[in-house]
Amino acid sequence: RRRGFDLAHAPLFRLAIFRVATGAY
């Protein structure tokens, strides 16, 4: 959240995937 976005550069979204168990993300 603190990182935020530079509104002058696309894309204005991102994803993170954390594998927490076998068959669970």
mmCIF file of all heavy atoms, coordinates in Angstrom:
data_MODEL
# 
_entry.id   MODEL 
# 
loop_
_atom_site.group_PDB 
_atom_site.id 
_atom_site.type_symbol 
_atom_site.label_atom_id 
_atom_site.label_alt_id 
_atom_site.label_comp_id 
_atom_site.label_asym_id 
_atom_site.label_entity_id 
_atom_site.label_seq_id 
_atom_site.pdbx_PDB_ins_code 
_atom_site.Cartn_x 
_atom_site.Cartn_y 
_atom_site.Cartn_z 
_atom_site.occupancy 
_atom_site.B_iso_or_equiv 
_atom_site.pdbx_formal_charge 
_atom_site.auth_seq_id 
_atom_site.auth_comp_id 
_atom_site.auth_asym_id 
_atom_site.auth_atom_id 
_atom_site.pdbx_PDB_model_num 
ATOM 1   N N   . ARG A 1 1  ? 0.831  -1.205  0.000   1.00 0.00 ? 1  ARG A N   1 
ATOM 2   C CA  . ARG A 1 1  ? 0.000  0.000   0.000   1.00 0.00 ? 1  ARG A CA  1 
ATOM 3   C C   . ARG A 1 1  ? 0.866  1.255   0.000   1.00 0.00 ? 1  ARG A C   1 
ATOM 4   O O   . ARG A 1 1  ? 0.587  2.211   -0.722  1.00 0.00 ? 1  ARG A O   1 
ATOM 5   C CB  . ARG A 1 1  ? -0.930 0.003   1.226   1.00 0.00 ? 1  ARG A CB  1 
ATOM 6   C CG  . ARG A 1 1  ? -1.867 1.197   1.256   1.00 0.00 ? 1  ARG A CG  1 
ATOM 7   C CD  . ARG A 1 1  ? -2.802 1.116   2.456   1.00 0.00 ? 1  ARG A CD  1 
ATOM 8   N NE  . ARG A 1 1  ? -3.695 -0.012  2.349   1.00 0.00 ? 1  ARG A NE  1 
ATOM 9   C CZ  . ARG A 1 1  ? -4.831 -0.016  1.652   1.00 0.00 ? 1  ARG A CZ  1 
ATOM 10  N NH1 . ARG A 1 1  ? -5.170 1.060   0.974   1.00 0.00 ? 1  ARG A NH1 1 
ATOM 11  N NH2 . ARG A 1 1  ? -5.601 -1.078  1.627   1.00 0.00 ? 1  ARG A NH2 1 
ATOM 12  N N   . ARG A 1 2  ? 1.929  1.255   0.799   1.00 0.00 ? 2  ARG A N   1 
ATOM 13  C CA  . ARG A 1 2  ? 2.818  2.421   0.827   1.00 0.00 ? 2  ARG A CA  1 
ATOM 14  C C   . ARG A 1 2  ? 3.498  2.629   -0.531  1.00 0.00 ? 2  ARG A C   1 
ATOM 15  O O   . ARG A 1 2  ? 3.755  3.764   -0.937  1.00 0.00 ? 2  ARG A O   1 
ATOM 16  C CB  . ARG A 1 2  ? 3.897  2.259   1.903   1.00 0.00 ? 2  ARG A CB  1 
ATOM 17  C CG  . ARG A 1 2  ? 3.387  2.392   3.329   1.00 0.00 ? 2  ARG A CG  1 
ATOM 18  C CD  . ARG A 1 2  ? 4.543  2.686   4.276   1.00 0.00 ? 2  ARG A CD  1 
ATOM 19  N NE  . ARG A 1 2  ? 5.615  1.728   4.109   1.00 0.00 ? 2  ARG A NE  1 
ATOM 20  C CZ  . ARG A 1 2  ? 5.751  0.605   4.808   1.00 0.00 ? 2  ARG A CZ  1 
ATOM 21  N NH1 . ARG A 1 2  ? 4.844  0.302   5.732   1.00 0.00 ? 2  ARG A NH1 1 
ATOM 22  N NH2 . ARG A 1 2  ? 6.767  -0.215  4.605   1.00 0.00 ? 2  ARG A NH2 1 
ATOM 23  N N   . ARG A 1 3  ? 3.768  1.539   -1.220  1.00 0.00 ? 3  ARG A N   1 
ATOM 24  C CA  . ARG A 1 3  ? 4.424  1.625   -2.524  1.00 0.00 ? 3  ARG A CA  1 
ATOM 25  C C   . ARG A 1 3  ? 3.562  2.386   -3.521  1.00 0.00 ? 3  ARG A C   1 
ATOM 26  O O   . ARG A 1 3  ? 4.052  3.171   -4.332  1.00 0.00 ? 3  ARG A O   1 
ATOM 27  C CB  . ARG A 1 3  ? 4.712  0.214   -3.030  1.00 0.00 ? 3  ARG A CB  1 
ATOM 28  C CG  . ARG A 1 3  ? 5.276  0.130   -4.431  1.00 0.00 ? 3  ARG A CG  1 
ATOM 29  C CD  . ARG A 1 3  ? 5.396  -1.329  -4.822  1.00 0.00 ? 3  ARG A CD  1 
ATOM 30  N NE  . ARG A 1 3  ? 5.723  -1.517  -6.224  1.00 0.00 ? 3  ARG A NE  1 
ATOM 31  C CZ  . ARG A 1 3  ? 5.656  -2.685  -6.848  1.00 0.00 ? 3  ARG A CZ  1 
ATOM 32  N NH1 . ARG A 1 3  ? 5.291  -3.776  -6.180  1.00 0.00 ? 3  ARG A NH1 1 
ATOM 33  N NH2 . ARG A 1 3  ? 5.957  -2.775  -8.133  1.00 0.00 ? 3  ARG A NH2 1 
ATOM 34  N N   . GLY A 1 4  ? 2.269  2.159   -3.452  1.00 0.00 ? 4  GLY A N   1 
ATOM 35  C CA  . GLY A 1 4  ? 1.342  2.880   -4.303  1.00 0.00 ? 4  GLY A CA  1 
ATOM 36  C C   . GLY A 1 4  ? 1.584  2.667   -5.780  1.00 0.00 ? 4  GLY A C   1 
ATOM 37  O O   . GLY A 1 4  ? 2.130  1.645   -6.210  1.00 0.00 ? 4  GLY A O   1 
ATOM 38  N N   . PHE A 1 5  ? 1.192  3.669   -6.575  1.00 0.00 ? 5  PHE A N   1 
ATOM 39  C CA  . PHE A 1 5  ? 1.337  3.602   -8.028  1.00 0.00 ? 5  PHE A CA  1 
ATOM 40  C C   . PHE A 1 5  ? 1.776  4.959   -8.559  1.00 0.00 ? 5  PHE A C   1 
ATOM 41  O O   . PHE A 1 5  ? 1.400  6.003   -8.031  1.00 0.00 ? 5  PHE A O   1 
ATOM 42  C CB  . PHE A 1 5  ? 0.016  3.215   -8.699  1.00 0.00 ? 5  PHE A CB  1 
ATOM 43  C CG  . PHE A 1 5  ? -0.422 1.809   -8.454  1.00 0.00 ? 5  PHE A CG  1 
ATOM 44  C CD1 . PHE A 1 5  ? -1.285 1.521   -7.405  1.00 0.00 ? 5  PHE A CD1 1 
ATOM 45  C CD2 . PHE A 1 5  ? 0.027  0.773   -9.257  1.00 0.00 ? 5  PHE A CD2 1 
ATOM 46  C CE1 . PHE A 1 5  ? -1.694 0.219   -7.163  1.00 0.00 ? 5  PHE A CE1 1 
ATOM 47  C CE2 . PHE A 1 5  ? -0.374 -0.533  -9.019  1.00 0.00 ? 5  PHE A CE2 1 
ATOM 48  C CZ  . PHE A 1 5  ? -1.235 -0.818  -7.971  1.00 0.00 ? 5  PHE A CZ  1 
ATOM 49  N N   . ASP A 1 6  ? 2.543  4.916   -9.606  1.00 0.00 ? 6  ASP A N   1 
ATOM 50  C CA  . ASP A 1 6  ? 2.840  6.118   -10.375 1.00 0.00 ? 6  ASP A CA  1 
ATOM 51  C C   . ASP A 1 6  ? 1.734  6.244   -11.411 1.00 0.00 ? 6  ASP A C   1 
ATOM 52  O O   . ASP A 1 6  ? 1.689  5.475   -12.384 1.00 0.00 ? 6  ASP A O   1 
ATOM 53  C CB  . ASP A 1 6  ? 4.211  5.988   -11.047 1.00 0.00 ? 6  ASP A CB  1 
ATOM 54  C CG  . ASP A 1 6  ? 4.574  7.214   -11.882 1.00 0.00 ? 6  ASP A CG  1 
ATOM 55  O OD1 . ASP A 1 6  ? 3.718  8.098   -12.057 1.00 0.00 ? 6  ASP A OD1 1 
ATOM 56  O OD2 . ASP A 1 6  ? 5.715  7.266   -12.368 1.00 0.00 ? 6  ASP A OD2 1 
ATOM 57  N N   . LEU A 1 7  ? 0.834  7.181   -11.210 1.00 0.00 ? 7  LEU A N   1 
ATOM 58  C CA  . LEU A 1 7  ? -0.346 7.285   -12.065 1.00 0.00 ? 7  LEU A CA  1 
ATOM 59  C C   . LEU A 1 7  ? -0.009 7.616   -13.509 1.00 0.00 ? 7  LEU A C   1 
ATOM 60  O O   . LEU A 1 7  ? -0.855 7.464   -14.391 1.00 0.00 ? 7  LEU A O   1 
ATOM 61  C CB  . LEU A 1 7  ? -1.309 8.332   -11.504 1.00 0.00 ? 7  LEU A CB  1 
ATOM 62  C CG  . LEU A 1 7  ? -1.928 8.001   -10.142 1.00 0.00 ? 7  LEU A CG  1 
ATOM 63  C CD1 . LEU A 1 7  ? -2.806 9.143   -9.659  1.00 0.00 ? 7  LEU A CD1 1 
ATOM 64  C CD2 . LEU A 1 7  ? -2.729 6.715   -10.200 1.00 0.00 ? 7  LEU A CD2 1 
ATOM 65  N N   . ALA A 1 8  ? 1.217  8.020   -13.748 1.00 0.00 ? 8  ALA A N   1 
ATOM 66  C CA  . ALA A 1 8  ? 1.627  8.370   -15.111 1.00 0.00 ? 8  ALA A CA  1 
ATOM 67  C C   . ALA A 1 8  ? 2.135  7.159   -15.883 1.00 0.00 ? 8  ALA A C   1 
ATOM 68  O O   . ALA A 1 8  ? 2.505  7.296   -17.057 1.00 0.00 ? 8  ALA A O   1 
ATOM 69  C CB  . ALA A 1 8  ? 2.706  9.450   -15.074 1.00 0.00 ? 8  ALA A CB  1 
ATOM 70  N N   . HIS A 1 9  ? 2.154  5.980   -15.253 1.00 0.00 ? 9  HIS A N   1 
ATOM 71  C CA  . HIS A 1 9  ? 2.676  4.795   -15.934 1.00 0.00 ? 9  HIS A CA  1 
ATOM 72  C C   . HIS A 1 9  ? 1.743  3.605   -15.740 1.00 0.00 ? 9  HIS A C   1 
ATOM 73  O O   . HIS A 1 9  ? 1.373  3.267   -14.610 1.00 0.00 ? 9  HIS A O   1 
ATOM 74  C CB  . HIS A 1 9  ? 4.081  4.442   -15.416 1.00 0.00 ? 9  HIS A CB  1 
ATOM 75  C CG  . HIS A 1 9  ? 5.116  5.465   -15.774 1.00 0.00 ? 9  HIS A CG  1 
ATOM 76  N ND1 . HIS A 1 9  ? 5.373  6.562   -14.973 1.00 0.00 ? 9  HIS A ND1 1 
ATOM 77  C CD2 . HIS A 1 9  ? 5.934  5.574   -16.854 1.00 0.00 ? 9  HIS A CD2 1 
ATOM 78  C CE1 . HIS A 1 9  ? 6.320  7.290   -15.545 1.00 0.00 ? 9  HIS A CE1 1 
ATOM 79  N NE2 . HIS A 1 9  ? 6.669  6.735   -16.679 1.00 0.00 ? 9  HIS A NE2 1 
ATOM 80  N N   . ALA A 1 10 ? 1.354  2.990   -16.844 1.00 0.00 ? 10 ALA A N   1 
ATOM 81  C CA  . ALA A 1 10 ? 0.514  1.793   -16.806 1.00 0.00 ? 10 ALA A CA  1 
ATOM 82  C C   . ALA A 1 10 ? 1.408  0.549   -16.676 1.00 0.00 ? 10 ALA A C   1 
ATOM 83  O O   . ALA A 1 10 ? 2.582  0.583   -17.057 1.00 0.00 ? 10 ALA A O   1 
ATOM 84  C CB  . ALA A 1 10 ? -0.315 1.701   -18.083 1.00 0.00 ? 10 ALA A CB  1 
ATOM 85  N N   . PRO A 1 11 ? 0.829  -0.537  -16.114 1.00 0.00 ? 11 PRO A N   1 
ATOM 86  C CA  . PRO A 1 11 ? -0.535 -0.669  -15.618 1.00 0.00 ? 11 PRO A CA  1 
ATOM 87  C C   . PRO A 1 11 ? -0.656 -0.182  -14.180 1.00 0.00 ? 11 PRO A C   1 
ATOM 88  O O   . PRO A 1 11 ? 0.335  -0.166  -13.438 1.00 0.00 ? 11 PRO A O   1 
ATOM 89  C CB  . PRO A 1 11 ? -0.799 -2.164  -15.713 1.00 0.00 ? 11 PRO A CB  1 
ATOM 90  C CG  . PRO A 1 11 ? 0.540  -2.791  -15.462 1.00 0.00 ? 11 PRO A CG  1 
ATOM 91  C CD  . PRO A 1 11 ? 1.540  -1.855  -16.116 1.00 0.00 ? 11 PRO A CD  1 
ATOM 92  N N   . LEU A 1 12 ? -1.856 0.175   -13.792 1.00 0.00 ? 12 LEU A N   1 
ATOM 93  C CA  . LEU A 1 12 ? -2.109 0.651   -12.436 1.00 0.00 ? 12 LEU A CA  1 
ATOM 94  C C   . LEU A 1 12 ? -2.695 -0.470  -11.582 1.00 0.00 ? 12 LEU A C   1 
ATOM 95  O O   . LEU A 1 12 ? -3.597 -0.261  -10.766 1.00 0.00 ? 12 LEU A O   1 
ATOM 96  C CB  . LEU A 1 12 ? -3.046 1.862   -12.480 1.00 0.00 ? 12 LEU A CB  1 
ATOM 97  C CG  . LEU A 1 12 ? -2.497 3.071   -13.242 1.00 0.00 ? 12 LEU A CG  1 
ATOM 98  C CD1 . LEU A 1 12 ? -3.489 4.231   -13.224 1.00 0.00 ? 12 LEU A CD1 1 
ATOM 99  C CD2 . LEU A 1 12 ? -1.151 3.514   -12.675 1.00 0.00 ? 12 LEU A CD2 1 
ATOM 100 N N   . PHE A 1 13 ? -2.157 -1.662  -11.788 1.00 0.00 ? 13 PHE A N   1 
ATOM 101 C CA  . PHE A 1 13 ? -2.508 -2.815  -10.956 1.00 0.00 ? 13 PHE A CA  1 
ATOM 102 C C   . PHE A 1 13 ? -1.346 -3.791  -10.977 1.00 0.00 ? 13 PHE A C   1 
ATOM 103 O O   . PHE A 1 13 ? -0.473 -3.726  -11.846 1.00 0.00 ? 13 PHE A O   1 
ATOM 104 C CB  . PHE A 1 13 ? -3.794 -3.495  -11.441 1.00 0.00 ? 13 PHE A CB  1 
ATOM 105 C CG  . PHE A 1 13 ? -3.638 -4.291  -12.710 1.00 0.00 ? 13 PHE A CG  1 
ATOM 106 C CD1 . PHE A 1 13 ? -3.470 -5.667  -12.667 1.00 0.00 ? 13 PHE A CD1 1 
ATOM 107 C CD2 . PHE A 1 13 ? -3.662 -3.674  -13.955 1.00 0.00 ? 13 PHE A CD2 1 
ATOM 108 C CE1 . PHE A 1 13 ? -3.324 -6.410  -13.833 1.00 0.00 ? 13 PHE A CE1 1 
ATOM 109 C CE2 . PHE A 1 13 ? -3.521 -4.396  -15.126 1.00 0.00 ? 13 PHE A CE2 1 
ATOM 110 C CZ  . PHE A 1 13 ? -3.352 -5.775  -15.065 1.00 0.00 ? 13 PHE A CZ  1 
ATOM 111 N N   . ARG A 1 14 ? -1.320 -4.696  -10.018 1.00 0.00 ? 14 ARG A N   1 
ATOM 112 C CA  . ARG A 1 14 ? -0.291 -5.734  -9.949  1.00 0.00 ? 14 ARG A CA  1 
ATOM 113 C C   . ARG A 1 14 ? -0.821 -6.903  -9.129  1.00 0.00 ? 14 ARG A C   1 
ATOM 114 O O   . ARG A 1 14 ? -1.820 -6.775  -8.403  1.00 0.00 ? 14 ARG A O   1 
ATOM 115 C CB  . ARG A 1 14 ? 1.006  -5.192  -9.327  1.00 0.00 ? 14 ARG A CB  1 
ATOM 116 C CG  . ARG A 1 14 ? 0.839  -4.535  -7.972  1.00 0.00 ? 14 ARG A CG  1 
ATOM 117 C CD  . ARG A 1 14 ? 2.182  -4.030  -7.428  1.00 0.00 ? 14 ARG A CD  1 
ATOM 118 N NE  . ARG A 1 14 ? 1.983  -3.233  -6.221  1.00 0.00 ? 14 ARG A NE  1 
ATOM 119 C CZ  . ARG A 1 14 ? 1.929  -1.898  -6.192  1.00 0.00 ? 14 ARG A CZ  1 
ATOM 120 N NH1 . ARG A 1 14 ? 2.072  -1.222  -7.320  1.00 0.00 ? 14 ARG A NH1 1 
ATOM 121 N NH2 . ARG A 1 14 ? 1.743  -1.253  -5.057  1.00 0.00 ? 14 ARG A NH2 1 
ATOM 122 N N   . LEU A 1 15 ? -0.124 -8.040  -9.247  1.00 0.00 ? 15 LEU A N   1 
ATOM 123 C CA  . LEU A 1 15 ? -0.526 -9.241  -8.518  1.00 0.00 ? 15 LEU A CA  1 
ATOM 124 C C   . LEU A 1 15 ? 0.655  -9.859  -7.799  1.00 0.00 ? 15 LEU A C   1 
ATOM 125 O O   . LEU A 1 15 ? 1.800  -9.740  -8.249  1.00 0.00 ? 15 LEU A O   1 
ATOM 126 C CB  . LEU A 1 15 ? -1.139 -10.276 -9.467  1.00 0.00 ? 15 LEU A CB  1 
ATOM 127 C CG  . LEU A 1 15 ? -2.522 -9.897  -9.979  1.00 0.00 ? 15 LEU A CG  1 
ATOM 128 C CD1 . LEU A 1 15 ? -2.452 -9.567  -11.456 1.00 0.00 ? 15 LEU A CD1 1 
ATOM 129 C CD2 . LEU A 1 15 ? -3.519 -11.018 -9.720  1.00 0.00 ? 15 LEU A CD2 1 
ATOM 130 N N   . ALA A 1 16 ? 0.353  -10.518 -6.707  1.00 0.00 ? 16 ALA A N   1 
ATOM 131 C CA  . ALA A 1 16 ? 1.344  -11.312 -5.975  1.00 0.00 ? 16 ALA A CA  1 
ATOM 132 C C   . ALA A 1 16 ? 0.698  -12.638 -5.609  1.00 0.00 ? 16 ALA A C   1 
ATOM 133 O O   . ALA A 1 16 ? -0.478 -12.684 -5.220  1.00 0.00 ? 16 ALA A O   1 
ATOM 134 C CB  . ALA A 1 16 ? 1.810  -10.585 -4.720  1.00 0.00 ? 16 ALA A CB  1 
ATOM 135 N N   . ILE A 1 17 ? 1.455  -13.721 -5.777  1.00 0.00 ? 17 ILE A N   1 
ATOM 136 C CA  . ILE A 1 17 ? 0.949  -15.062 -5.484  1.00 0.00 ? 17 ILE A CA  1 
ATOM 137 C C   . ILE A 1 17 ? 1.890  -15.712 -4.480  1.00 0.00 ? 17 ILE A C   1 
ATOM 138 O O   . ILE A 1 17 ? 3.092  -15.865 -4.736  1.00 0.00 ? 17 ILE A O   1 
ATOM 139 C CB  . ILE A 1 17 ? 0.863  -15.929 -6.752  1.00 0.00 ? 17 ILE A CB  1 
ATOM 140 C CG1 . ILE A 1 17 ? 0.019  -15.226 -7.812  1.00 0.00 ? 17 ILE A CG1 1 
ATOM 141 C CG2 . ILE A 1 17 ? 0.281  -17.297 -6.435  1.00 0.00 ? 17 ILE A CG2 1 
ATOM 142 C CD1 . ILE A 1 17 ? 0.015  -15.945 -9.145  1.00 0.00 ? 17 ILE A CD1 1 
ATOM 143 N N   . PHE A 1 18 ? 1.352  -16.097 -3.326  1.00 0.00 ? 18 PHE A N   1 
ATOM 144 C CA  . PHE A 1 18 ? 2.143  -16.729 -2.281  1.00 0.00 ? 18 PHE A CA  1 
ATOM 145 C C   . PHE A 1 18 ? 1.638  -18.158 -2.071  1.00 0.00 ? 18 PHE A C   1 
ATOM 146 O O   . PHE A 1 18 ? 0.473  -18.357 -1.704  1.00 0.00 ? 18 PHE A O   1 
ATOM 147 C CB  . PHE A 1 18 ? 2.041  -15.935 -0.975  1.00 0.00 ? 18 PHE A CB  1 
ATOM 148 C CG  . PHE A 1 18 ? 2.360  -14.475 -1.140  1.00 0.00 ? 18 PHE A CG  1 
ATOM 149 C CD1 . PHE A 1 18 ? 1.387  -13.510 -0.925  1.00 0.00 ? 18 PHE A CD1 1 
ATOM 150 C CD2 . PHE A 1 18 ? 3.625  -14.064 -1.540  1.00 0.00 ? 18 PHE A CD2 1 
ATOM 151 C CE1 . PHE A 1 18 ? 1.676  -12.163 -1.075  1.00 0.00 ? 18 PHE A CE1 1 
ATOM 152 C CE2 . PHE A 1 18 ? 3.927  -12.717 -1.699  1.00 0.00 ? 18 PHE A CE2 1 
ATOM 153 C CZ  . PHE A 1 18 ? 2.948  -11.764 -1.477  1.00 0.00 ? 18 PHE A CZ  1 
ATOM 154 N N   . ARG A 1 19 ? 2.505  -19.126 -2.304  1.00 0.00 ? 19 ARG A N   1 
ATOM 155 C CA  . ARG A 1 19 ? 2.115  -20.516 -2.098  1.00 0.00 ? 19 ARG A CA  1 
ATOM 156 C C   . ARG A 1 19 ? 2.249  -20.835 -0.611  1.00 0.00 ? 19 ARG A C   1 
ATOM 157 O O   . ARG A 1 19 ? 3.343  -20.797 -0.051  1.00 0.00 ? 19 ARG A O   1 
ATOM 158 C CB  . ARG A 1 19 ? 2.977  -21.454 -2.926  1.00 0.00 ? 19 ARG A CB  1 
ATOM 159 C CG  . ARG A 1 19 ? 2.439  -22.888 -2.943  1.00 0.00 ? 19 ARG A CG  1 
ATOM 160 C CD  . ARG A 1 19 ? 3.137  -23.751 -3.971  1.00 0.00 ? 19 ARG A CD  1 
ATOM 161 N NE  . ARG A 1 19 ? 2.435  -25.018 -4.148  1.00 0.00 ? 19 ARG A NE  1 
ATOM 162 C CZ  . ARG A 1 19 ? 2.794  -25.968 -4.985  1.00 0.00 ? 19 ARG A CZ  1 
ATOM 163 N NH1 . ARG A 1 19 ? 3.878  -25.795 -5.754  1.00 0.00 ? 19 ARG A NH1 1 
ATOM 164 N NH2 . ARG A 1 19 ? 2.098  -27.085 -5.086  1.00 0.00 ? 19 ARG A NH2 1 
ATOM 165 N N   . VAL A 1 20 ? 1.142  -21.156 0.039   1.00 0.00 ? 20 VAL A N   1 
ATOM 166 C CA  . VAL A 1 20 ? 1.145  -21.341 1.491   1.00 0.00 ? 20 VAL A CA  1 
ATOM 167 C C   . VAL A 1 20 ? 1.057  -22.811 1.903   1.00 0.00 ? 20 VAL A C   1 
ATOM 168 O O   . VAL A 1 20 ? 1.303  -23.150 3.060   1.00 0.00 ? 20 VAL A O   1 
ATOM 169 C CB  . VAL A 1 20 ? -0.010 -20.547 2.139   1.00 0.00 ? 20 VAL A CB  1 
ATOM 170 C CG1 . VAL A 1 20 ? 0.223  -19.053 1.959   1.00 0.00 ? 20 VAL A CG1 1 
ATOM 171 C CG2 . VAL A 1 20 ? -1.359 -20.948 1.573   1.00 0.00 ? 20 VAL A CG2 1 
ATOM 172 N N   . ALA A 1 21 ? 0.696  -23.687 0.981   1.00 0.00 ? 21 ALA A N   1 
ATOM 173 C CA  . ALA A 1 21 ? 0.617  -25.127 1.259   1.00 0.00 ? 21 ALA A CA  1 
ATOM 174 C C   . ALA A 1 21 ? 0.485  -25.837 -0.070  1.00 0.00 ? 21 ALA A C   1 
ATOM 175 O O   . ALA A 1 21 ? 0.297  -25.209 -1.120  1.00 0.00 ? 21 ALA A O   1 
ATOM 176 C CB  . ALA A 1 21 ? -0.579 -25.445 2.161   1.00 0.00 ? 21 ALA A CB  1 
ATOM 177 N N   . THR A 1 22 ? 0.577  -27.145 -0.039  1.00 0.00 ? 22 THR A N   1 
ATOM 178 C CA  . THR A 1 22 ? 0.338  -27.908 -1.250  1.00 0.00 ? 22 THR A CA  1 
ATOM 179 C C   . THR A 1 22 ? -1.119 -27.721 -1.659  1.00 0.00 ? 22 THR A C   1 
ATOM 180 O O   . THR A 1 22 ? -2.035 -28.027 -0.906  1.00 0.00 ? 22 THR A O   1 
ATOM 181 C CB  . THR A 1 22 ? 0.622  -29.400 -1.023  1.00 0.00 ? 22 THR A CB  1 
ATOM 182 O OG1 . THR A 1 22 ? 1.990  -29.552 -0.634  1.00 0.00 ? 22 THR A OG1 1 
ATOM 183 C CG2 . THR A 1 22 ? 0.359  -30.197 -2.289  1.00 0.00 ? 22 THR A CG2 1 
ATOM 184 N N   . GLY A 1 23 ? -1.306 -27.160 -2.838  1.00 0.00 ? 23 GLY A N   1 
ATOM 185 C CA  . GLY A 1 23 ? -2.663 -26.908 -3.310  1.00 0.00 ? 23 GLY A CA  1 
ATOM 186 C C   . GLY A 1 23 ? -3.335 -25.722 -2.648  1.00 0.00 ? 23 GLY A C   1 
ATOM 187 O O   . GLY A 1 23 ? -4.563 -25.671 -2.575  1.00 0.00 ? 23 GLY A O   1 
ATOM 188 N N   . ALA A 1 24 ? -2.567 -24.751 -2.152  1.00 0.00 ? 24 ALA A N   1 
ATOM 189 C CA  . ALA A 1 24 ? -3.165 -23.564 -1.539  1.00 0.00 ? 24 ALA A CA  1 
ATOM 190 C C   . ALA A 1 24 ? -2.297 -22.343 -1.842  1.00 0.00 ? 24 ALA A C   1 
ATOM 191 O O   . ALA A 1 24 ? -1.077 -22.375 -1.619  1.00 0.00 ? 24 ALA A O   1 
ATOM 192 C CB  . ALA A 1 24 ? -3.329 -23.743 -0.037  1.00 0.00 ? 24 ALA A CB  1 
ATOM 193 N N   . TYR A 1 25 ? -2.922 -21.278 -2.328  1.00 0.00 ? 25 TYR A N   1 
ATOM 194 C CA  . TYR A 1 25 ? -2.207 -20.066 -2.726  1.00 0.00 ? 25 TYR A CA  1 
ATOM 195 C C   . TYR A 1 25 ? -2.960 -18.843 -2.207  1.00 0.00 ? 25 TYR A C   1 
ATOM 196 O O   . TYR A 1 25 ? -4.193 -18.791 -2.294  1.00 0.00 ? 25 TYR A O   1 
ATOM 197 C CB  . TYR A 1 25 ? -2.104 -19.957 -4.252  1.00 0.00 ? 25 TYR A CB  1 
ATOM 198 C CG  . TYR A 1 25 ? -1.460 -21.144 -4.914  1.00 0.00 ? 25 TYR A CG  1 
ATOM 199 C CD1 . TYR A 1 25 ? -2.188 -22.320 -5.141  1.00 0.00 ? 25 TYR A CD1 1 
ATOM 200 C CD2 . TYR A 1 25 ? -0.134 -21.099 -5.332  1.00 0.00 ? 25 TYR A CD2 1 
ATOM 201 C CE1 . TYR A 1 25 ? -1.599 -23.418 -5.758  1.00 0.00 ? 25 TYR A CE1 1 
ATOM 202 C CE2 . TYR A 1 25 ? 0.459  -22.184 -5.955  1.00 0.00 ? 25 TYR A CE2 1 
ATOM 203 C CZ  . TYR A 1 25 ? -0.283 -23.348 -6.160  1.00 0.00 ? 25 TYR A CZ  1 
ATOM 204 O OH  . TYR A 1 25 ? 0.309  -24.427 -6.768  1.00 0.00 ? 25 TYR A OH  1 
# 
